[in-house]
């Protein structure tokens, strides 16, 4: 079973930055696209960013485009999300995920992902 563990969440002031990490188990990390999603209380899980298996293709949700950067280090089996210019609307639990079926794409739909981390809380204060 694939294990994903997020870290790096915390409390940050508006305008500040955080860098999230997602450590993945297994030997096939580089075969799969990875994604970040977030969920605020009372809201559905929202697509944040995705990265292709080799890291050359990236996609972002409209609300974070230009502020967040997704990256991966396949040698370390680690996914990252650099978050800049944070605002209150970014407050949520952030989850990393691995796509269910290996592809060369950057999936945006939750249904495309089969494995999820436990989540890490990001809170942006005024």
Protein backbone atom coordinates (compact mmCIF):
# COMPACT_ATOMS: atom_id res chain seq x y z
CA UNK A 1 0.00 0.00 0.00
CA UNK A 2 1.21 3.49 -0.86
CA UNK A 3 1.87 5.73 2.10
CA UNK A 4 1.89 9.52 1.79
CA UNK A 5 2.83 11.82 4.65
CA UNK A 6 2.44 15.59 4.43
CA UNK A 7 4.38 18.05 6.53
CA UNK A 8 5.15 21.75 6.67
CA UNK A 9 1.77 23.16 7.55
CA UNK A 10 1.29 25.73 10.26
CA UNK A 11 0.24 29.25 11.07
CA UNK A 12 1.41 32.06 8.83
CA UNK A 13 0.50 35.72 8.43
CA UNK A 14 -1.23 37.00 5.33
CA UNK A 15 1.32 37.70 2.64
CA UNK A 16 3.68 35.10 4.01
CA UNK A 17 4.92 31.81 2.64
CA UNK A 18 4.95 28.13 3.51
CA UNK A 19 6.51 25.11 1.89
CA UNK A 20 4.66 21.82 2.17
CA UNK A 21 6.26 18.44 1.65
CA UNK A 22 4.82 15.03 0.94
CA UNK A 23 6.98 11.97 1.51
CA UNK A 24 5.94 8.89 -0.43
CA UNK A 25 6.78 5.28 0.19
CA UNK A 26 7.47 2.72 -2.50
CA UNK A 27 9.77 2.37 -5.45
CA UNK A 28 7.41 3.59 -8.18
CA UNK A 29 6.96 7.23 -7.14
CA UNK A 30 8.39 8.52 -10.40
CA UNK A 31 5.82 6.59 -12.44
CA UNK A 32 2.82 8.57 -11.23
CA UNK A 33 1.52 12.08 -11.42
CA UNK A 34 1.04 13.72 -8.04
CA UNK A 35 -1.36 16.36 -6.86
CA UNK A 36 -2.22 18.71 -4.04
CA UNK A 37 -5.78 19.29 -2.87
CA UNK A 38 -7.17 21.31 -0.02
CA UNK A 39 -10.34 21.27 2.02
CA UNK A 40 -11.74 24.00 4.22
CA UNK A 41 -14.49 23.34 6.79
CA UNK A 42 -17.85 22.83 5.14
CA UNK A 43 -16.37 22.79 1.65
CA UNK A 44 -15.52 20.09 -0.82
CA UNK A 45 -11.97 19.06 -1.49
CA UNK A 46 -10.53 21.48 -4.04
CA UNK A 47 -7.85 20.95 -6.65
CA UNK A 48 -4.74 23.00 -5.99
CA UNK A 49 -1.96 21.73 -8.24
CA UNK A 50 -0.70 18.70 -10.13
CA UNK A 51 2.62 17.64 -11.56
CA UNK A 52 3.42 15.00 -14.15
CA UNK A 53 5.54 11.97 -13.40
CA UNK A 54 8.76 13.56 -14.63
CA UNK A 55 7.98 17.02 -13.31
CA UNK A 56 7.93 18.75 -16.68
CA UNK A 57 4.21 19.47 -16.74
CA UNK A 58 2.38 21.40 -14.05
CA UNK A 59 -1.16 22.59 -13.60
CA UNK A 60 -2.77 24.85 -11.01
CA UNK A 61 -6.17 25.80 -9.79
CA UNK A 62 -7.21 29.30 -10.77
CA UNK A 63 -7.22 30.54 -7.19
CA UNK A 64 -3.54 29.71 -6.64
CA UNK A 65 -2.03 30.22 -10.07
CA UNK A 66 0.90 32.60 -9.91
CA UNK A 67 1.28 32.19 -6.16
CA UNK A 68 1.91 28.47 -5.65
CA UNK A 69 4.54 26.26 -7.22
CA UNK A 70 4.41 22.48 -7.29
CA UNK A 71 7.58 20.45 -7.68
CA UNK A 72 8.93 16.99 -7.05
CA UNK A 73 12.19 15.24 -6.35
CA UNK A 74 11.85 11.72 -7.65
CA UNK A 75 15.20 10.69 -6.20
CA UNK A 76 13.85 11.51 -2.75
CA UNK A 77 10.27 10.32 -3.35
CA UNK A 78 9.07 13.73 -2.26
CA UNK A 79 6.46 16.17 -3.53
CA UNK A 80 6.50 19.87 -2.64
CA UNK A 81 4.18 22.82 -2.69
CA UNK A 82 5.69 26.27 -2.32
CA UNK A 83 2.98 28.70 -1.27
CA UNK A 84 3.59 32.44 -1.52
CA UNK A 85 1.42 35.50 -0.97
CA UNK A 86 -0.90 33.54 1.26
CA UNK A 87 -4.28 34.95 2.19
CA UNK A 88 -7.12 33.92 4.46
CA UNK A 89 -8.83 32.01 1.66
CA UNK A 90 -5.88 29.62 1.59
CA UNK A 91 -6.70 28.36 5.07
CA UNK A 92 -7.47 24.66 4.75
CA UNK A 93 -6.18 21.17 5.30
CA UNK A 94 -3.83 20.34 2.45
CA UNK A 95 -3.58 16.81 1.09
CA UNK A 96 -1.14 15.24 -1.30
CA UNK A 97 -2.29 12.44 -3.57
CA UNK A 98 -1.00 9.94 -6.10
CA UNK A 99 -2.90 9.21 -9.26
CA UNK A 100 -4.58 5.84 -9.51
CA UNK A 101 -3.29 4.88 -12.94
CA UNK A 102 0.11 5.88 -14.27
CA UNK A 103 -0.05 8.51 -16.98
CA UNK A 104 1.81 11.40 -18.54
CA UNK A 105 -0.87 13.89 -17.53
CA UNK A 106 -1.60 16.30 -14.69
CA UNK A 107 -5.02 15.20 -13.43
CA UNK A 108 -7.32 17.76 -11.85
CA UNK A 109 -10.12 15.48 -10.69
CA UNK A 110 -10.20 13.77 -7.31
CA UNK A 111 -11.38 10.62 -9.03
CA UNK A 112 -8.04 10.34 -10.80
CA UNK A 113 -6.23 9.86 -7.51
CA UNK A 114 -6.29 6.71 -5.42
CA UNK A 115 -3.92 7.37 -2.53
CA UNK A 116 -4.05 10.27 -0.10
CA UNK A 117 -2.03 11.57 2.78
CA UNK A 118 -3.43 12.41 6.18
CA UNK A 119 -3.37 16.14 5.50
CA UNK A 120 -1.58 19.07 7.04
CA UNK A 121 -3.29 22.18 8.38
CA UNK A 122 -2.47 25.57 6.90
CA UNK A 123 -3.87 28.58 8.71
CA UNK A 124 -3.39 32.10 7.39
CA UNK A 125 -4.01 34.92 9.85
CA UNK A 126 -4.73 38.56 9.15
